[in-house]
Amino acid sequence: MANREVTLKTKLRAAQDLEADPNEGSRLQQQIDLLTKELVYLLKKVREAGI
């Protein structure tokens, strides 16, 4: 799980980079997409665990 967390943090930092993408809306959408993907992954894990 720690590796997923590091990867997510790295991708979120990259999505916040103003030089890589000057369009604020695009950067925010990338962050939303990354967080949504992680949320879906975690919900699947919870469902599998029967919690």
PDB file of N, CA and C in Angstrom:
ATOM      1  N   MET A   1       0.826  -1.196   0.000  1.00  0.00           N
ATOM      2  CA  MET A   1       0.000   0.000   0.000  1.00  0.00           C
ATOM      3  C   MET A   1       0.868   1.256   0.000  1.00  0.00           C
ATOM      4  N   ALA A   2       2.011   1.186   0.682  1.00  0.00           N
ATOM      5  CA  ALA A   2       2.873   2.366   0.745  1.00  0.00           C
ATOM      6  C   ALA A   2       3.354   2.761  -0.646  1.00  0.00           C
ATOM      7  N   ASN A   3       3.641   1.771  -1.484  1.00  0.00           N
ATOM      8  CA  ASN A   3       4.093   2.064  -2.839  1.00  0.00           C
ATOM      9  C   ASN A   3       3.002   2.780  -3.635  1.00  0.00           C
ATOM     10  N   ARG A   4       1.755   2.359  -3.482  1.00  0.00           N
ATOM     11  CA  ARG A   4       0.636   3.038  -4.160  1.00  0.00           C
ATOM     12  C   ARG A   4       0.529   4.480  -3.676  1.00  0.00           C
ATOM     13  N   GLU A   5       0.731   4.670  -2.385  1.00  0.00           N
ATOM     14  CA  GLU A   5       0.634   6.014  -1.808  1.00  0.00           C
ATOM     15  C   GLU A   5       1.728   6.927  -2.367  1.00  0.00           C
ATOM     16  N   VAL A   6       2.943   6.411  -2.456  1.00  0.00           N
ATOM     17  CA  VAL A   6       4.056   7.192  -3.008  1.00  0.00           C
ATOM     18  C   VAL A   6       3.786   7.522  -4.467  1.00  0.00           C
ATOM     19  N   THR A   7       3.315   6.545  -5.220  1.00  0.00           N
ATOM     20  CA  THR A   7       3.006   6.761  -6.632  1.00  0.00           C
ATOM     21  C   THR A   7       1.919   7.818  -6.788  1.00  0.00           C
ATOM     22  N   LEU A   8       0.869   7.733  -5.979  1.00  0.00           N
ATOM     23  CA  LEU A   8      -0.219   8.707  -6.046  1.00  0.00           C
ATOM     24  C   LEU A   8       0.288  10.113  -5.718  1.00  0.00           C
ATOM     25  N   LYS A   9       1.083  10.229  -4.657  1.00  0.00           N
ATOM     26  CA  LYS A   9       1.621  11.541  -4.281  1.00  0.00           C
ATOM     27  C   LYS A   9       2.481  12.118  -5.400  1.00  0.00           C
ATOM     28  N   THR A  10       3.291  11.274  -6.025  1.00  0.00           N
ATOM     29  CA  THR A  10       4.146  11.723  -7.125  1.00  0.00           C
ATOM     30  C   THR A  10       3.310  12.209  -8.298  1.00  0.00           C
ATOM     31  N   LYS A  11       2.281  11.449  -8.646  1.00  0.00           N
ATOM     32  CA  LYS A  11       1.419  11.832  -9.763  1.00  0.00           C
ATOM     33  C   LYS A  11       0.635  13.107  -9.451  1.00  0.00           C
ATOM     34  N   LEU A  12       0.199  13.262  -8.202  1.00  0.00           N
ATOM     35  CA  LEU A  12      -0.522  14.478  -7.818  1.00  0.00           C
ATOM     36  C   LEU A  12       0.392  15.700  -7.886  1.00  0.00           C
ATOM     37  N   ARG A  13       1.639  15.542  -7.440  1.00  0.00           N
ATOM     38  CA  ARG A  13       2.587  16.658  -7.545  1.00  0.00           C
ATOM     39  C   ARG A  13       2.816  17.034  -8.999  1.00  0.00           C
ATOM     40  N   ALA A  14       2.950  16.033  -9.852  1.00  0.00           N
ATOM     41  CA  ALA A  14       3.159  16.293 -11.279  1.00  0.00           C
ATOM     42  C   ALA A  14       1.949  17.001 -11.878  1.00  0.00           C
ATOM     43  N   ALA A  15       0.750  16.631 -11.431  1.00  0.00           N
ATOM     44  CA  ALA A  15      -0.475  17.242 -11.953  1.00  0.00           C
ATOM     45  C   ALA A  15      -0.631  18.688 -11.481  1.00  0.00           C
ATOM     46  N   GLN A  16       0.070  19.061 -10.430  1.00  0.00           N
ATOM     47  CA  GLN A  16      -0.002  20.428  -9.910  1.00  0.00           C
ATOM     48  C   GLN A  16       1.039  21.346 -10.543  1.00  0.00           C
ATOM     49  N   ASP A  17       1.938  20.790 -11.350  1.00  0.00           N
ATOM     50  CA  ASP A  17       3.045  21.547 -11.935  1.00  0.00           C
ATOM     51  C   ASP A  17       2.535  22.571 -12.942  1.00  0.00           C
ATOM     52  N   LEU A  18       2.700  23.821 -12.606  1.00  0.00           N
ATOM     53  CA  LEU A  18       2.232  24.928 -13.443  1.00  0.00           C
ATOM     54  C   LEU A  18       2.973  24.980 -14.777  1.00  0.00           C
ATOM     55  N   GLU A  19       4.258  24.656 -14.777  1.00  0.00           N
ATOM     56  CA  GLU A  19       5.040  24.703 -16.011  1.00  0.00           C
ATOM     57  C   GLU A  19       4.637  23.592 -16.979  1.00  0.00           C
ATOM     58  N   ALA A  20       4.299  22.427 -16.450  1.00  0.00           N
ATOM     59  CA  ALA A  20       3.921  21.302 -17.305  1.00  0.00           C
ATOM     60  C   ALA A  20       2.580  21.549 -17.982  1.00  0.00           C
ATOM     61  N   ASP A  21       1.664  22.199 -17.256  1.00  0.00           N
ATOM     62  CA  ASP A  21       0.333  22.476 -17.811  1.00  0.00           C
ATOM     63  C   ASP A  21      -0.177  23.790 -17.216  1.00  0.00           C
ATOM     64  N   PRO A  22      -0.104  24.877 -17.975  1.00  0.00           N
ATOM     65  CA  PRO A  22      -0.520  26.175 -17.439  1.00  0.00           C
ATOM     66  C   PRO A  22      -2.036  26.319 -17.261  1.00  0.00           C
ATOM     67  N   ASN A  23      -2.815  25.395 -17.797  1.00  0.00           N
ATOM     68  CA  ASN A  23      -4.267  25.463 -17.697  1.00  0.00           C
ATOM     69  C   ASN A  23      -4.714  24.914 -16.341  1.00  0.00           C
ATOM     70  N   GLU A  24      -5.210  25.802 -15.473  1.00  0.00           N
ATOM     71  CA  GLU A  24      -5.598  25.393 -14.118  1.00  0.00           C
ATOM     72  C   GLU A  24      -6.705  24.348 -14.134  1.00  0.00           C
ATOM     73  N   GLY A  25      -7.683  24.512 -15.003  1.00  0.00           N
ATOM     74  CA  GLY A  25      -8.785  23.557 -15.082  1.00  0.00           C
ATOM     75  C   GLY A  25      -8.305  22.166 -15.447  1.00  0.00           C
ATOM     76  N   SER A  26      -7.368  22.102 -16.355  1.00  0.00           N
ATOM     77  CA  SER A  26      -6.808  20.819 -16.771  1.00  0.00           C
ATOM     78  C   SER A  26      -6.042  20.157 -15.625  1.00  0.00           C
ATOM     79  N   ARG A  27      -5.254  20.958 -14.900  1.00  0.00           N
ATOM     80  CA  ARG A  27      -4.502  20.411 -13.763  1.00  0.00           C
ATOM     81  C   ARG A  27      -5.446  19.887 -12.694  1.00  0.00           C
ATOM     82  N   LEU A  28      -6.499  20.644 -12.408  1.00  0.00           N
ATOM     83  CA  LEU A  28      -7.468  20.205 -11.401  1.00  0.00           C
ATOM     84  C   LEU A  28      -8.172  18.928 -11.839  1.00  0.00           C
ATOM     85  N   GLN A  29      -8.508  18.836 -13.123  1.00  0.00           N
ATOM     86  CA  GLN A  29      -9.179  17.638 -13.624  1.00  0.00           C
ATOM     87  C   GLN A  29      -8.267  16.420 -13.510  1.00  0.00           C
ATOM     88  N   GLN A  30      -6.986  16.598 -13.783  1.00  0.00           N
ATOM     89  CA  GLN A  30      -6.032  15.495 -13.640  1.00  0.00           C
ATOM     90  C   GLN A  30      -5.983  15.020 -12.189  1.00  0.00           C
ATOM     91  N   GLN A  31      -5.988  15.965 -11.253  1.00  0.00           N
ATOM     92  CA  GLN A  31      -5.959  15.610  -9.836  1.00  0.00           C
ATOM     93  C   GLN A  31      -7.238  14.879  -9.437  1.00  0.00           C
ATOM     94  N   ILE A  32      -8.368  15.360  -9.916  1.00  0.00           N
ATOM     95  CA  ILE A  32      -9.654  14.712  -9.630  1.00  0.00           C
ATOM     96  C   ILE A  32      -9.655  13.295 -10.178  1.00  0.00           C
ATOM     97  N   ASP A  33      -9.161  13.123 -11.403  1.00  0.00           N
ATOM     98  CA  ASP A  33      -9.119  11.796 -12.020  1.00  0.00           C
ATOM     99  C   ASP A  33      -8.238  10.834 -11.225  1.00  0.00           C
ATOM    100  N   LEU A  34      -7.078  11.306 -10.785  1.00  0.00           N
ATOM    101  CA  LEU A  34      -6.180  10.460  -9.996  1.00  0.00           C
ATOM    102  C   LEU A  34      -6.819  10.052  -8.670  1.00  0.00           C
ATOM    103  N   LEU A  35      -7.436  11.017  -7.991  1.00  0.00           N
ATOM    104  CA  LEU A  35      -8.065  10.721  -6.704  1.00  0.00           C
ATOM    105  C   LEU A  35      -9.280   9.812  -6.863  1.00  0.00           C
ATOM    106  N   THR A  36     -10.034   9.989  -7.934  1.00  0.00           N
ATOM    107  CA  THR A  36     -11.187   9.126  -8.196  1.00  0.00           C
ATOM    108  C   THR A  36     -10.734   7.696  -8.443  1.00  0.00           C
ATOM    109  N   LYS A  37      -9.684   7.541  -9.221  1.00  0.00           N
ATOM    110  CA  LYS A  37      -9.142   6.210  -9.503  1.00  0.00           C
ATOM    111  C   LYS A  37      -8.698   5.527  -8.208  1.00  0.00           C
ATOM    112  N   GLU A  38      -8.032   6.268  -7.328  1.00  0.00           N
ATOM    113  CA  GLU A  38      -7.582   5.708  -6.057  1.00  0.00           C
ATOM    114  C   GLU A  38      -8.771   5.370  -5.160  1.00  0.00           C
ATOM    115  N   LEU A  39      -9.777   6.208  -5.147  1.00  0.00           N
ATOM    116  CA  LEU A  39     -10.972   5.954  -4.346  1.00  0.00           C
ATOM    117  C   LEU A  39     -11.673   4.681  -4.797  1.00  0.00           C
ATOM    118  N   VAL A  40     -11.801   4.493  -6.096  1.00  0.00           N
ATOM    119  CA  VAL A  40     -12.431   3.284  -6.631  1.00  0.00           C
ATOM    120  C   VAL A  40     -11.625   2.053  -6.221  1.00  0.00           C
ATOM    121  N   TYR A  41     -10.304   2.146  -6.302  1.00  0.00           N
ATOM    122  CA  TYR A  41      -9.440   1.037  -5.898  1.00  0.00           C
ATOM    123  C   TYR A  41      -9.668   0.689  -4.422  1.00  0.00           C
ATOM    124  N   LEU A  42      -9.696   1.711  -3.569  1.00  0.00           N
ATOM    125  CA  LEU A  42      -9.882   1.475  -2.138  1.00  0.00           C
ATOM    126  C   LEU A  42     -11.270   0.923  -1.827  1.00  0.00           C
ATOM    127  N   LEU A  43     -12.291   1.405  -2.528  1.00  0.00           N
ATOM    128  CA  LEU A  43     -13.643   0.878  -2.321  1.00  0.00           C
ATOM    129  C   LEU A  43     -13.722  -0.595  -2.701  1.00  0.00           C
ATOM    130  N   LYS A  44     -13.040  -0.982  -3.771  1.00  0.00           N
ATOM    131  CA  LYS A  44     -13.002  -2.396  -4.164  1.00  0.00           C
ATOM    132  C   LYS A  44     -12.333  -3.233  -3.085  1.00  0.00           C
ATOM    133  N   LYS A  45     -11.246  -2.714  -2.508  1.00  0.00           N
ATOM    134  CA  LYS A  45     -10.541  -3.430  -1.444  1.00  0.00           C
ATOM    135  C   LYS A  45     -11.440  -3.601  -0.218  1.00  0.00           C
ATOM    136  N   VAL A  46     -12.173  -2.561   0.136  1.00  0.00           N
ATOM    137  CA  VAL A  46     -13.088  -2.632   1.277  1.00  0.00           C
ATOM    138  C   VAL A  46     -14.178  -3.655   1.005  1.00  0.00           C
ATOM    139  N   ARG A  47     -14.716  -3.630  -0.196  1.00  0.00           N
ATOM    140  CA  ARG A  47     -15.768  -4.571  -0.570  1.00  0.00           C
ATOM    141  C   ARG A  47     -15.250  -6.008  -0.510  1.00  0.00           C
ATOM    142  N   GLU A  48     -14.036  -6.240  -0.996  1.00  0.00           N
ATOM    143  CA  GLU A  48     -13.439  -7.574  -0.958  1.00  0.00           C
ATOM    144  C   GLU A  48     -13.215  -8.043   0.475  1.00  0.00           C
ATOM    145  N   ALA A  49     -12.873  -7.117   1.357  1.00  0.00           N
ATOM    146  CA  ALA A  49     -12.615  -7.459   2.749  1.00  0.00           C
ATOM    147  C   ALA A  49     -13.908  -7.670   3.531  1.00  0.00           C
ATOM    148  N   GLY A  50     -15.026  -7.251   2.949  1.00  0.00           N
ATOM    149  CA  GLY A  50     -16.312  -7.427   3.606  1.00  0.00           C
ATOM    150  C   GLY A  50     -16.522  -6.489   4.779  1.00  0.00           C
ATOM    151  N   ILE A  51     -15.881  -5.356   4.735  1.00  0.00           N
ATOM    152  CA  ILE A  51     -15.996  -4.386   5.839  1.00  0.00           C
ATOM    153  C   ILE A  51     -17.238  -3.551   5.643  1.00  0.00           C
TER     154      ILE A  51
END
